[in-house]
């Protein structure tokens, strides 16, 4: 059985196929919300570490002490409830992992912005 050739536009060119490239360039409202929330989670996490150290009389010094595993926990605590409150679908595994990595990077950057010299 023969197939008909695809129809050509007014100028004889085949129409451009739709790509995900355009949609990937513009993050959705959900993606923006998750990224911004994960960034805020990371910043708050780093601030809690700093406060805990200061209560112990220790400076915020050295490398970021948090782990990616802890970042996953921070995200799991913060994001699902907020998505539910906003009537958005539950966070997916891929979104959760990206959010955890964003939170971790945000916390590490926040930590580095507030480093203090260690006492001799």
PDB file of N, CA and C in Angstrom:
ATOM      1  N   UNK A   1       0.829  -1.168   0.000  1.00  0.00           N
ATOM      2  CA  UNK A   1       0.000   0.000   0.000  1.00  0.00           C
ATOM      3  C   UNK A   1       0.879   1.238   0.000  1.00  0.00           C
ATOM      4  N   UNK A   2       0.619   2.150  -0.921  1.00  0.00           N
ATOM      5  CA  UNK A   2       1.401   3.369  -1.055  1.00  0.00           C
ATOM      6  C   UNK A   2       0.842   4.447  -0.144  1.00  0.00           C
ATOM      7  N   UNK A   3       1.778   5.242   0.418  1.00  0.00           N
ATOM      8  CA  UNK A   3       1.383   6.384   1.242  1.00  0.00           C
ATOM      9  C   UNK A   3       1.476   7.639   0.408  1.00  0.00           C
ATOM     10  N   UNK A   4       0.597   8.569   0.697  1.00  0.00           N
ATOM     11  CA  UNK A   4       0.638   9.849  -0.003  1.00  0.00           C
ATOM     12  C   UNK A   4       1.815  10.663   0.539  1.00  0.00           C
ATOM     13  N   UNK A   5       2.413  11.432  -0.325  1.00  0.00           N
ATOM     14  CA  UNK A   5       3.505  12.303   0.095  1.00  0.00           C
ATOM     15  C   UNK A   5       2.956  13.388   1.007  1.00  0.00           C
ATOM     16  N   UNK A   6       3.768  13.834   1.981  1.00  0.00           N
ATOM     17  CA  UNK A   6       3.297  14.897   2.867  1.00  0.00           C
ATOM     18  C   UNK A   6       2.997  16.160   2.072  1.00  0.00           C
ATOM     19  N   UNK A   7       1.963  16.857   2.499  1.00  0.00           N
ATOM     20  CA  UNK A   7       1.615  18.096   1.796  1.00  0.00           C
ATOM     21  C   UNK A   7       2.662  19.154   2.094  1.00  0.00           C
ATOM     22  N   UNK A   8       2.877  19.999   1.147  1.00  0.00           N
ATOM     23  CA  UNK A   8       3.866  21.056   1.290  1.00  0.00           C
ATOM     24  C   UNK A   8       3.144  22.376   1.503  1.00  0.00           C
ATOM     25  N   UNK A   9       3.832  23.264   2.243  1.00  0.00           N
ATOM     26  CA  UNK A   9       3.267  24.590   2.513  1.00  0.00           C
ATOM     27  C   UNK A   9       3.182  25.406   1.253  1.00  0.00           C
ATOM     28  N   UNK A  10       2.768  26.647   1.376  1.00  0.00           N
ATOM     29  CA  UNK A  10       2.572  27.528   0.236  1.00  0.00           C
ATOM     30  C   UNK A  10       3.844  27.694  -0.575  1.00  0.00           C
ATOM     31  N   UNK A  11       5.013  27.637   0.076  1.00  0.00           N
ATOM     32  CA  UNK A  11       6.269  27.830  -0.646  1.00  0.00           C
ATOM     33  C   UNK A  11       6.910  26.510  -1.018  1.00  0.00           C
ATOM     34  N   UNK A  12       6.222  25.397  -0.793  1.00  0.00           N
ATOM     35  CA  UNK A  12       6.742  24.106  -1.185  1.00  0.00           C
ATOM     36  C   UNK A  12       7.600  23.425  -0.140  1.00  0.00           C
ATOM     37  N   UNK A  13       7.811  24.051   1.021  1.00  0.00           N
ATOM     38  CA  UNK A  13       8.638  23.458   2.070  1.00  0.00           C
ATOM     39  C   UNK A  13       7.767  22.619   2.994  1.00  0.00           C
ATOM     40  N   UNK A  14       8.375  21.588   3.553  1.00  0.00           N
ATOM     41  CA  UNK A  14       7.660  20.785   4.546  1.00  0.00           C
ATOM     42  C   UNK A  14       7.526  21.598   5.830  1.00  0.00           C
ATOM     43  N   UNK A  15       6.417  21.443   6.545  1.00  0.00           N
ATOM     44  CA  UNK A  15       6.283  22.176   7.806  1.00  0.00           C
ATOM     45  C   UNK A  15       7.303  21.691   8.828  1.00  0.00           C
ATOM     46  N   UNK A  16       7.755  22.594   9.670  1.00  0.00           N
ATOM     47  CA  UNK A  16       8.717  22.270  10.721  1.00  0.00           C
ATOM     48  C   UNK A  16       8.063  21.373  11.759  1.00  0.00           C
ATOM     49  N   UNK A  17       8.718  20.283  12.139  1.00  0.00           N
ATOM     50  CA  UNK A  17       8.139  19.447  13.191  1.00  0.00           C
ATOM     51  C   UNK A  17       8.228  20.169  14.537  1.00  0.00           C
ATOM     52  N   UNK A  18       7.247  19.914  15.377  1.00  0.00           N
ATOM     53  CA  UNK A  18       7.258  20.509  16.711  1.00  0.00           C
ATOM     54  C   UNK A  18       8.385  19.872  17.513  1.00  0.00           C
ATOM     55  N   UNK A  19       9.093  20.692  18.266  1.00  0.00           N
ATOM     56  CA  UNK A  19      10.182  20.174  19.091  1.00  0.00           C
ATOM     57  C   UNK A  19       9.964  20.567  20.537  1.00  0.00           C
ATOM     58  N   UNK A  20      10.622  19.835  21.405  1.00  0.00           N
ATOM     59  CA  UNK A  20      10.577  20.165  22.829  1.00  0.00           C
ATOM     60  C   UNK A  20      11.554  21.282  23.164  1.00  0.00           C
ATOM     61  N   UNK A  21      12.389  21.653  22.202  1.00  0.00           N
ATOM     62  CA  UNK A  21      13.402  22.666  22.443  1.00  0.00           C
ATOM     63  C   UNK A  21      12.777  23.983  22.876  1.00  0.00           C
ATOM     64  N   UNK A  22      11.703  24.408  22.196  1.00  0.00           N
ATOM     65  CA  UNK A  22      11.061  25.668  22.546  1.00  0.00           C
ATOM     66  C   UNK A  22      10.423  25.603  23.924  1.00  0.00           C
ATOM     67  N   UNK A  23       9.750  24.505  24.232  1.00  0.00           N
ATOM     68  CA  UNK A  23       9.108  24.393  25.536  1.00  0.00           C
ATOM     69  C   UNK A  23      10.145  24.221  26.647  1.00  0.00           C
ATOM     70  N   UNK A  24      11.282  23.605  26.345  1.00  0.00           N
ATOM     71  CA  UNK A  24      12.325  23.423  27.352  1.00  0.00           C
ATOM     72  C   UNK A  24      13.010  24.752  27.671  1.00  0.00           C
ATOM     73  N   UNK A  25      13.028  25.658  26.717  1.00  0.00           N
ATOM     74  CA  UNK A  25      13.672  26.950  26.932  1.00  0.00           C
ATOM     75  C   UNK A  25      12.875  27.804  27.913  1.00  0.00           C
ATOM     76  N   UNK A  26      11.575  27.653  27.925  1.00  0.00           N
ATOM     77  CA  UNK A  26      10.719  28.428  28.809  1.00  0.00           C
ATOM     78  C   UNK A  26      10.186  27.522  29.919  1.00  0.00           C
ATOM     79  N   UNK A  27      10.707  27.676  31.143  1.00  0.00           N
ATOM     80  CA  UNK A  27      10.231  26.820  32.223  1.00  0.00           C
ATOM     81  C   UNK A  27       8.759  27.101  32.530  1.00  0.00           C
ATOM     82  N   UNK A  28       8.064  26.070  32.914  1.00  0.00           N
ATOM     83  CA  UNK A  28       6.660  26.223  33.263  1.00  0.00           C
ATOM     84  C   UNK A  28       6.553  26.883  34.632  1.00  0.00           C
ATOM     85  N   UNK A  29       5.360  27.319  34.954  1.00  0.00           N
ATOM     86  CA  UNK A  29       5.117  27.919  36.270  1.00  0.00           C
ATOM     87  C   UNK A  29       5.470  26.926  37.371  1.00  0.00           C
ATOM     88  N   UNK A  30       5.146  25.660  37.161  1.00  0.00           N
ATOM     89  CA  UNK A  30       5.456  24.615  38.138  1.00  0.00           C
ATOM     90  C   UNK A  30       6.963  24.461  38.313  1.00  0.00           C
ATOM     91  N   UNK A  31       7.697  24.400  37.196  1.00  0.00           N
ATOM     92  CA  UNK A  31       9.152  24.267  37.261  1.00  0.00           C
ATOM     93  C   UNK A  31       9.772  25.455  37.984  1.00  0.00           C
ATOM     94  N   UNK A  32       9.281  26.642  37.691  1.00  0.00           N
ATOM     95  CA  UNK A  32       9.795  27.847  38.356  1.00  0.00           C
ATOM     96  C   UNK A  32       9.512  27.783  39.854  1.00  0.00           C
ATOM     97  N   UNK A  33       8.301  27.368  40.209  1.00  0.00           N
ATOM     98  CA  UNK A  33       7.939  27.268  41.618  1.00  0.00           C
ATOM     99  C   UNK A  33       8.843  26.275  42.337  1.00  0.00           C
ATOM    100  N   UNK A  34       9.054  25.101  41.746  1.00  0.00           N
ATOM    101  CA  UNK A  34       9.884  24.083  42.387  1.00  0.00           C
ATOM    102  C   UNK A  34      11.319  24.578  42.529  1.00  0.00           C
ATOM    103  N   UNK A  35      11.857  25.196  41.491  1.00  0.00           N
ATOM    104  CA  UNK A  35      13.236  25.691  41.556  1.00  0.00           C
ATOM    105  C   UNK A  35      13.382  26.798  42.606  1.00  0.00           C
ATOM    106  N   UNK A  36      12.456  27.743  42.609  1.00  0.00           N
ATOM    107  CA  UNK A  36      12.526  28.830  43.585  1.00  0.00           C
ATOM    108  C   UNK A  36      12.352  28.302  45.006  1.00  0.00           C
ATOM    109  N   UNK A  37      11.448  27.353  45.168  1.00  0.00           N
ATOM    110  CA  UNK A  37      11.231  26.768  46.496  1.00  0.00           C
ATOM    111  C   UNK A  37      12.468  26.017  46.962  1.00  0.00           C
ATOM    112  N   UNK A  38      13.072  25.241  46.071  1.00  0.00           N
ATOM    113  CA  UNK A  38      14.271  24.482  46.425  1.00  0.00           C
ATOM    114  C   UNK A  38      15.417  25.426  46.787  1.00  0.00           C
ATOM    115  N   UNK A  39      15.542  26.525  46.081  1.00  0.00           N
ATOM    116  CA  UNK A  39      16.569  27.515  46.397  1.00  0.00           C
ATOM    117  C   UNK A  39      16.339  28.085  47.791  1.00  0.00           C
ATOM    118  N   UNK A  40      15.096  28.422  48.083  1.00  0.00           N
ATOM    119  CA  UNK A  40      14.761  28.961  49.412  1.00  0.00           C
ATOM    120  C   UNK A  40      14.988  27.920  50.500  1.00  0.00           C
ATOM    121  N   UNK A  41      14.663  26.661  50.222  1.00  0.00           N
ATOM    122  CA  UNK A  41      14.902  25.573  51.181  1.00  0.00           C
ATOM    123  C   UNK A  41      16.394  25.485  51.496  1.00  0.00           C
ATOM    124  N   UNK A  42      17.229  25.548  50.479  1.00  0.00           N
ATOM    125  CA  UNK A  42      18.676  25.479  50.677  1.00  0.00           C
ATOM    126  C   UNK A  42      19.202  26.650  51.489  1.00  0.00           C
ATOM    127  N   UNK A  43      18.727  27.841  51.200  1.00  0.00           N
ATOM    128  CA  UNK A  43      19.183  29.018  51.943  1.00  0.00           C
ATOM    129  C   UNK A  43      18.782  28.923  53.413  1.00  0.00           C
ATOM    130  N   UNK A  44      17.559  28.492  53.673  1.00  0.00           N
ATOM    131  CA  UNK A  44      17.098  28.358  55.055  1.00  0.00           C
ATOM    132  C   UNK A  44      17.867  27.267  55.787  1.00  0.00           C
ATOM    133  N   UNK A  45      18.188  26.203  55.084  1.00  0.00           N
ATOM    134  CA  UNK A  45      18.953  25.095  55.652  1.00  0.00           C
ATOM    135  C   UNK A  45      20.339  25.585  56.092  1.00  0.00           C
ATOM    136  N   UNK A  46      20.999  26.335  55.227  1.00  0.00           N
ATOM    137  CA  UNK A  46      22.329  26.873  55.559  1.00  0.00           C
ATOM    138  C   UNK A  46      22.235  27.834  56.747  1.00  0.00           C
ATOM    139  N   UNK A  47      21.193  28.631  56.776  1.00  0.00           N
ATOM    140  CA  UNK A  47      21.012  29.570  57.888  1.00  0.00           C
ATOM    141  C   UNK A  47      20.827  28.814  59.210  1.00  0.00           C
ATOM    142  N   UNK A  48      20.073  27.736  59.187  1.00  0.00           N
ATOM    143  CA  UNK A  48      19.899  26.930  60.412  1.00  0.00           C
ATOM    144  C   UNK A  48      21.234  26.355  60.876  1.00  0.00           C
ATOM    145  N   UNK A  49      22.074  25.888  59.949  1.00  0.00           N
ATOM    146  CA  UNK A  49      23.406  25.379  60.309  1.00  0.00           C
ATOM    147  C   UNK A  49      24.217  26.480  60.984  1.00  0.00           C
ATOM    148  N   UNK A  50      24.196  27.685  60.369  1.00  0.00           N
ATOM    149  CA  UNK A  50      24.959  28.802  60.933  1.00  0.00           C
ATOM    150  C   UNK A  50      24.482  29.137  62.339  1.00  0.00           C
ATOM    151  N   UNK A  51      23.180  29.215  62.518  1.00  0.00           N
ATOM    152  CA  UNK A  51      22.629  29.529  63.840  1.00  0.00           C
ATOM    153  C   UNK A  51      23.019  28.469  64.874  1.00  0.00           C
ATOM    154  N   UNK A  52      22.946  27.202  64.482  1.00  0.00           N
ATOM    155  CA  UNK A  52      23.329  26.122  65.404  1.00  0.00           C
ATOM    156  C   UNK A  52      24.796  26.246  65.810  1.00  0.00           C
ATOM    157  N   UNK A  53      25.662  26.505  64.845  1.00  0.00           N
ATOM    158  CA  UNK A  53      27.082  26.658  65.152  1.00  0.00           C
ATOM    159  C   UNK A  53      27.326  27.858  66.065  1.00  0.00           C
ATOM    160  N   UNK A  54      26.656  28.955  65.784  1.00  0.00           N
ATOM    161  CA  UNK A  54      26.843  30.159  66.610  1.00  0.00           C
ATOM    162  C   UNK A  54      26.352  29.925  68.035  1.00  0.00           C
ATOM    163  N   UNK A  55      25.282  29.175  68.196  1.00  0.00           N
ATOM    164  CA  UNK A  55      24.805  28.853  69.553  1.00  0.00           C
ATOM    165  C   UNK A  55      25.846  28.047  70.328  1.00  0.00           C
ATOM    166  N   UNK A  56      26.625  27.266  69.592  1.00  0.00           N
ATOM    167  CA  UNK A  56      27.686  26.472  70.213  1.00  0.00           C
ATOM    168  C   UNK A  56      28.980  27.276  70.356  1.00  0.00           C
ATOM    169  N   UNK A  57      28.951  28.539  69.901  1.00  0.00           N
ATOM    170  CA  UNK A  57      30.138  29.377  69.986  1.00  0.00           C
ATOM    171  C   UNK A  57      31.162  29.079  68.903  1.00  0.00           C
ATOM    172  N   UNK A  58      30.732  28.449  67.829  1.00  0.00           N
ATOM    173  CA  UNK A  58      31.644  28.082  66.743  1.00  0.00           C
ATOM    174  C   UNK A  58      31.394  28.972  65.533  1.00  0.00           C
ATOM    175  N   UNK A  59      32.449  29.260  64.752  1.00  0.00           N
ATOM    176  CA  UNK A  59      32.264  30.074  63.548  1.00  0.00           C
ATOM    177  C   UNK A  59      31.719  29.233  62.389  1.00  0.00           C
ATOM    178  N   UNK A  60      31.168  29.923  61.426  1.00  0.00           N
ATOM    179  CA  UNK A  60      30.762  29.296  60.171  1.00  0.00           C
ATOM    180  C   UNK A  60      32.028  29.231  59.318  1.00  0.00           C
ATOM    181  N   UNK A  61      32.725  28.126  59.404  1.00  0.00           N
ATOM    182  CA  UNK A  61      34.018  28.009  58.725  1.00  0.00           C
ATOM    183  C   UNK A  61      34.115  26.649  58.046  1.00  0.00           C
ATOM    184  N   UNK A  62      34.998  26.568  57.074  1.00  0.00           N
ATOM    185  CA  UNK A  62      35.210  25.308  56.376  1.00  0.00           C
ATOM    186  C   UNK A  62      34.190  25.096  55.275  1.00  0.00           C
ATOM    187  N   UNK A  63      34.190  23.885  54.748  1.00  0.00           N
ATOM    188  CA  UNK A  63      33.282  23.532  53.663  1.00  0.00           C
ATOM    189  C   UNK A  63      31.858  23.313  54.154  1.00  0.00           C
ATOM    190  N   UNK A  64      30.933  23.368  53.237  1.00  0.00           N
ATOM    191  CA  UNK A  64      29.526  23.150  53.550  1.00  0.00           C
ATOM    192  C   UNK A  64      29.362  21.759  54.165  1.00  0.00           C
ATOM    193  N   UNK A  65      28.771  21.675  55.376  1.00  0.00           N
ATOM    194  CA  UNK A  65      28.694  20.394  56.074  1.00  0.00           C
ATOM    195  C   UNK A  65      27.517  19.502  55.672  1.00  0.00           C
ATOM    196  N   UNK A  66      26.582  20.010  54.888  1.00  0.00           N
ATOM    197  CA  UNK A  66      25.410  19.228  54.512  1.00  0.00           C
ATOM    198  C   UNK A  66      25.725  18.186  53.442  1.00  0.00           C
ATOM    199  N   UNK A  67      24.804  17.250  53.258  1.00  0.00           N
ATOM    200  CA  UNK A  67      24.961  16.204  52.251  1.00  0.00           C
ATOM    201  C   UNK A  67      23.777  16.222  51.290  1.00  0.00           C
ATOM    202  N   UNK A  68      23.941  15.589  50.154  1.00  0.00           N
ATOM    203  CA  UNK A  68      22.853  15.482  49.191  1.00  0.00           C
ATOM    204  C   UNK A  68      21.697  14.673  49.779  1.00  0.00           C
ATOM    205  N   UNK A  69      22.011  13.684  50.565  1.00  0.00           N
ATOM    206  CA  UNK A  69      20.955  12.894  51.213  1.00  0.00           C
ATOM    207  C   UNK A  69      20.110  13.795  52.131  1.00  0.00           C
ATOM    208  N   UNK A  70      20.777  14.663  52.883  1.00  0.00           N
ATOM    209  CA  UNK A  70      20.055  15.602  53.738  1.00  0.00           C
ATOM    210  C   UNK A  70      19.225  16.582  52.903  1.00  0.00           C
ATOM    211  N   UNK A  71      19.759  16.983  51.753  1.00  0.00           N
ATOM    212  CA  UNK A  71      19.025  17.882  50.863  1.00  0.00           C
ATOM    213  C   UNK A  71      17.732  17.218  50.398  1.00  0.00           C
ATOM    214  N   UNK A  72      17.798  15.937  50.088  1.00  0.00           N
ATOM    215  CA  UNK A  72      16.586  15.214  49.688  1.00  0.00           C
ATOM    216  C   UNK A  72      15.545  15.255  50.803  1.00  0.00           C
ATOM    217  N   UNK A  73      15.999  15.086  52.027  1.00  0.00           N
ATOM    218  CA  UNK A  73      15.089  15.137  53.171  1.00  0.00           C
ATOM    219  C   UNK A  73      14.488  16.525  53.317  1.00  0.00           C
ATOM    220  N   UNK A  74      15.309  17.557  53.171  1.00  0.00           N
ATOM    221  CA  UNK A  74      14.818  18.937  53.271  1.00  0.00           C
ATOM    222  C   UNK A  74      13.725  19.195  52.236  1.00  0.00           C
ATOM    223  N   UNK A  75      13.943  18.732  51.022  1.00  0.00           N
ATOM    224  CA  UNK A  75      12.974  18.911  49.937  1.00  0.00           C
ATOM    225  C   UNK A  75      11.706  18.116  50.239  1.00  0.00           C
ATOM    226  N   UNK A  76      11.869  16.896  50.704  1.00  0.00           N
ATOM    227  CA  UNK A  76      10.717  16.042  50.996  1.00  0.00           C
ATOM    228  C   UNK A  76       9.856  16.636  52.097  1.00  0.00           C
ATOM    229  N   UNK A  77      10.450  17.329  53.030  1.00  0.00           N
ATOM    230  CA  UNK A  77       9.696  17.977  54.106  1.00  0.00           C
ATOM    231  C   UNK A  77       8.957  19.207  53.582  1.00  0.00           C
ATOM    232  N   UNK A  78       9.613  20.000  52.745  1.00  0.00           N
ATOM    233  CA  UNK A  78       9.082  21.309  52.361  1.00  0.00           C
ATOM    234  C   UNK A  78       8.144  21.315  51.154  1.00  0.00           C
ATOM    235  N   UNK A  79       8.491  20.617  50.102  1.00  0.00           N
ATOM    236  CA  UNK A  79       7.762  20.814  48.849  1.00  0.00           C
ATOM    237  C   UNK A  79       6.416  20.115  48.718  1.00  0.00           C
ATOM    238  N   UNK A  80       6.262  18.856  49.094  1.00  0.00           N
ATOM    239  CA  UNK A  80       4.970  18.201  48.839  1.00  0.00           C
ATOM    240  C   UNK A  80       3.771  18.944  49.432  1.00  0.00           C
ATOM    241  N   UNK A  81       3.883  19.420  50.644  1.00  0.00           N
ATOM    242  CA  UNK A  81       2.777  20.139  51.269  1.00  0.00           C
ATOM    243  C   UNK A  81       2.450  21.434  50.554  1.00  0.00           C
ATOM    244  N   UNK A  82       3.485  22.124  50.106  1.00  0.00           N
ATOM    245  CA  UNK A  82       3.268  23.387  49.404  1.00  0.00           C
ATOM    246  C   UNK A  82       2.627  23.145  48.042  1.00  0.00           C
ATOM    247  N   UNK A  83       3.042  22.092  47.345  1.00  0.00           N
ATOM    248  CA  UNK A  83       2.402  21.755  46.070  1.00  0.00           C
ATOM    249  C   UNK A  83       0.929  21.424  46.290  1.00  0.00           C
ATOM    250  N   UNK A  84       0.638  20.674  47.323  1.00  0.00           N
ATOM    251  CA  UNK A  84      -0.739  20.309  47.649  1.00  0.00           C
ATOM    252  C   UNK A  84      -1.554  21.567  47.958  1.00  0.00           C
ATOM    253  N   UNK A  85      -0.988  22.456  48.748  1.00  0.00           N
ATOM    254  CA  UNK A  85      -1.671  23.694  49.109  1.00  0.00           C
ATOM    255  C   UNK A  85      -2.002  24.523  47.869  1.00  0.00           C
ATOM    256  N   UNK A  86      -1.123  24.472  46.887  1.00  0.00           N
ATOM    257  CA  UNK A  86      -1.338  25.223  45.646  1.00  0.00           C
ATOM    258  C   UNK A  86      -2.145  24.432  44.622  1.00  0.00           C
ATOM    259  N   UNK A  87      -2.634  23.267  45.035  1.00  0.00           N
ATOM    260  CA  UNK A  87      -3.445  22.399  44.164  1.00  0.00           C
ATOM    261  C   UNK A  87      -2.691  21.971  42.905  1.00  0.00           C
ATOM    262  N   UNK A  88      -1.404  21.700  43.082  1.00  0.00           N
ATOM    263  CA  UNK A  88      -0.565  21.201  41.989  1.00  0.00           C
ATOM    264  C   UNK A  88      -0.375  19.704  42.194  1.00  0.00           C
ATOM    265  N   UNK A  89      -0.157  18.956  41.118  1.00  0.00           N
ATOM    266  CA  UNK A  89       0.096  17.517  41.262  1.00  0.00           C
ATOM    267  C   UNK A  89       1.311  17.246  42.145  1.00  0.00           C
ATOM    268  N   UNK A  90       1.350  16.070  42.722  1.00  0.00           N
ATOM    269  CA  UNK A  90       2.462  15.665  43.597  1.00  0.00           C
ATOM    270  C   UNK A  90       3.784  15.737  42.840  1.00  0.00           C
ATOM    271  N   UNK A  91       4.836  15.987  43.596  1.00  0.00           N
ATOM    272  CA  UNK A  91       6.171  16.072  43.011  1.00  0.00           C
ATOM    273  C   UNK A  91       6.587  14.696  42.486  1.00  0.00           C
ATOM    274  N   UNK A  92       7.205  14.676  41.324  1.00  0.00           N
ATOM    275  CA  UNK A  92       7.676  13.417  40.738  1.00  0.00           C
ATOM    276  C   UNK A  92       9.079  13.097  41.257  1.00  0.00           C
ATOM    277  N   UNK A  93       9.511  11.892  41.013  1.00  0.00           N
ATOM    278  CA  UNK A  93      10.860  11.508  41.415  1.00  0.00           C
ATOM    279  C   UNK A  93      11.925  12.355  40.749  1.00  0.00           C
ATOM    280  N   UNK A  94      11.755  12.635  39.479  1.00  0.00           N
ATOM    281  CA  UNK A  94      12.727  13.459  38.749  1.00  0.00           C
ATOM    282  C   UNK A  94      12.739  14.880  39.310  1.00  0.00           C
ATOM    283  N   UNK A  95      11.553  15.438  39.541  1.00  0.00           N
ATOM    284  CA  UNK A  95      11.477  16.783  40.108  1.00  0.00           C
ATOM    285  C   UNK A  95      12.097  16.824  41.503  1.00  0.00           C
ATOM    286  N   UNK A  96      11.851  15.785  42.292  1.00  0.00           N
ATOM    287  CA  UNK A  96      12.385  15.715  43.653  1.00  0.00           C
ATOM    288  C   UNK A  96      13.913  15.712  43.622  1.00  0.00           C
ATOM    289  N   UNK A  97      14.485  14.933  42.729  1.00  0.00           N
ATOM    290  CA  UNK A  97      15.951  14.864  42.638  1.00  0.00           C
ATOM    291  C   UNK A  97      16.536  16.197  42.175  1.00  0.00           C
ATOM    292  N   UNK A  98      15.915  16.813  41.173  1.00  0.00           N
ATOM    293  CA  UNK A  98      16.393  18.115  40.708  1.00  0.00           C
ATOM    294  C   UNK A  98      16.261  19.161  41.811  1.00  0.00           C
ATOM    295  N   UNK A  99      15.170  19.117  42.543  1.00  0.00           N
ATOM    296  CA  UNK A  99      14.963  20.057  43.644  1.00  0.00           C
ATOM    297  C   UNK A  99      16.006  19.831  44.742  1.00  0.00           C
ATOM    298  N   UNK A 100      16.326  18.582  45.034  1.00  0.00           N
ATOM    299  CA  UNK A 100      17.331  18.283  46.060  1.00  0.00           C
ATOM    300  C   UNK A 100      18.693  18.817  45.641  1.00  0.00           C
ATOM    301  N   UNK A 101      19.050  18.632  44.391  1.00  0.00           N
ATOM    302  CA  UNK A 101      20.335  19.137  43.912  1.00  0.00           C
ATOM    303  C   UNK A 101      20.364  20.671  43.911  1.00  0.00           C
ATOM    304  N   UNK A 102      19.233  21.285  43.583  1.00  0.00           N
ATOM    305  CA  UNK A 102      19.135  22.742  43.629  1.00  0.00           C
ATOM    306  C   UNK A 102      19.252  23.235  45.067  1.00  0.00           C
ATOM    307  N   UNK A 103      18.562  22.569  45.990  1.00  0.00           N
ATOM    308  CA  UNK A 103      18.618  22.954  47.405  1.00  0.00           C
ATOM    309  C   UNK A 103      20.040  22.803  47.936  1.00  0.00           C
ATOM    310  N   UNK A 104      20.702  21.710  47.587  1.00  0.00           N
ATOM    311  CA  UNK A 104      22.071  21.478  48.041  1.00  0.00           C
ATOM    312  C   UNK A 104      22.998  22.588  47.538  1.00  0.00           C
ATOM    313  N   UNK A 105      22.915  22.892  46.246  1.00  0.00           N
ATOM    314  CA  UNK A 105      23.773  23.928  45.663  1.00  0.00           C
ATOM    315  C   UNK A 105      23.477  25.299  46.281  1.00  0.00           C
ATOM    316  N   UNK A 106      22.207  25.567  46.504  1.00  0.00           N
ATOM    317  CA  UNK A 106      21.818  26.832  47.116  1.00  0.00           C
ATOM    318  C   UNK A 106      22.371  26.940  48.536  1.00  0.00           C
ATOM    319  N   UNK A 107      22.263  25.871  49.305  1.00  0.00           N
ATOM    320  CA  UNK A 107      22.778  25.867  50.681  1.00  0.00           C
ATOM    321  C   UNK A 107      24.294  26.051  50.689  1.00  0.00           C
ATOM    322  N   UNK A 108      24.972  25.340  49.812  1.00  0.00           N
ATOM    323  CA  UNK A 108      26.438  25.444  49.737  1.00  0.00           C
ATOM    324  C   UNK A 108      26.861  26.865  49.369  1.00  0.00           C
ATOM    325  N   UNK A 109      26.159  27.467  48.403  1.00  0.00           N
ATOM    326  CA  UNK A 109      26.485  28.840  48.005  1.00  0.00           C
ATOM    327  C   UNK A 109      26.201  29.823  49.137  1.00  0.00           C
ATOM    328  N   UNK A 110      25.089  29.637  49.820  1.00  0.00           N
ATOM    329  CA  UNK A 110      24.744  30.502  50.954  1.00  0.00           C
ATOM    330  C   UNK A 110      25.788  30.366  52.057  1.00  0.00           C
ATOM    331  N   UNK A 111      26.219  29.148  52.312  1.00  0.00           N
ATOM    332  CA  UNK A 111      27.245  28.880  53.320  1.00  0.00           C
ATOM    333  C   UNK A 111      28.528  29.635  52.978  1.00  0.00           C
ATOM    334  N   UNK A 112      28.939  29.515  51.731  1.00  0.00           N
ATOM    335  CA  UNK A 112      30.178  30.169  51.281  1.00  0.00           C
ATOM    336  C   UNK A 112      30.110  31.685  51.371  1.00  0.00           C
ATOM    337  N   UNK A 113      28.926  32.258  51.157  1.00  0.00           N
ATOM    338  CA  UNK A 113      28.768  33.720  51.231  1.00  0.00           C
ATOM    339  C   UNK A 113      28.978  34.238  52.653  1.00  0.00           C
ATOM    340  N   UNK A 114      28.820  33.371  53.651  1.00  0.00           N
ATOM    341  CA  UNK A 114      28.880  33.811  55.034  1.00  0.00           C
ATOM    342  C   UNK A 114      30.018  33.139  55.827  1.00  0.00           C
ATOM    343  N   UNK A 115      31.053  32.715  55.133  1.00  0.00           N
ATOM    344  CA  UNK A 115      32.170  32.090  55.838  1.00  0.00           C
ATOM    345  C   UNK A 115      32.829  33.071  56.798  1.00  0.00           C
ATOM    346  N   UNK A 116      33.260  32.554  57.919  1.00  0.00           N
ATOM    347  CA  UNK A 116      33.946  33.342  58.940  1.00  0.00           C
ATOM    348  C   UNK A 116      35.321  32.738  59.174  1.00  0.00           C
ATOM    349  N   UNK A 117      36.284  33.552  59.595  1.00  0.00           N
ATOM    350  CA  UNK A 117      37.610  32.996  59.858  1.00  0.00           C
ATOM    351  C   UNK A 117      37.574  32.074  61.094  1.00  0.00           C
ATOM    352  N   UNK A 118      38.333  31.007  61.004  1.00  0.00           N
ATOM    353  CA  UNK A 118      38.424  30.099  62.153  1.00  0.00           C
ATOM    354  C   UNK A 118      39.333  30.714  63.206  1.00  0.00           C
ATOM    355  N   UNK A 119      38.995  30.460  64.444  1.00  0.00           N
ATOM    356  CA  UNK A 119      39.847  30.935  65.549  1.00  0.00           C
ATOM    357  C   UNK A 119      41.144  30.151  65.542  1.00  0.00           C
ATOM    358  N   UNK A 120      42.279  30.820  65.852  1.00  0.00           N
ATOM    359  CA  UNK A 120      43.573  30.101  65.857  1.00  0.00           C
ATOM    360  C   UNK A 120      43.691  29.095  66.959  1.00  0.00           C
TER     361      UNK A 120
END
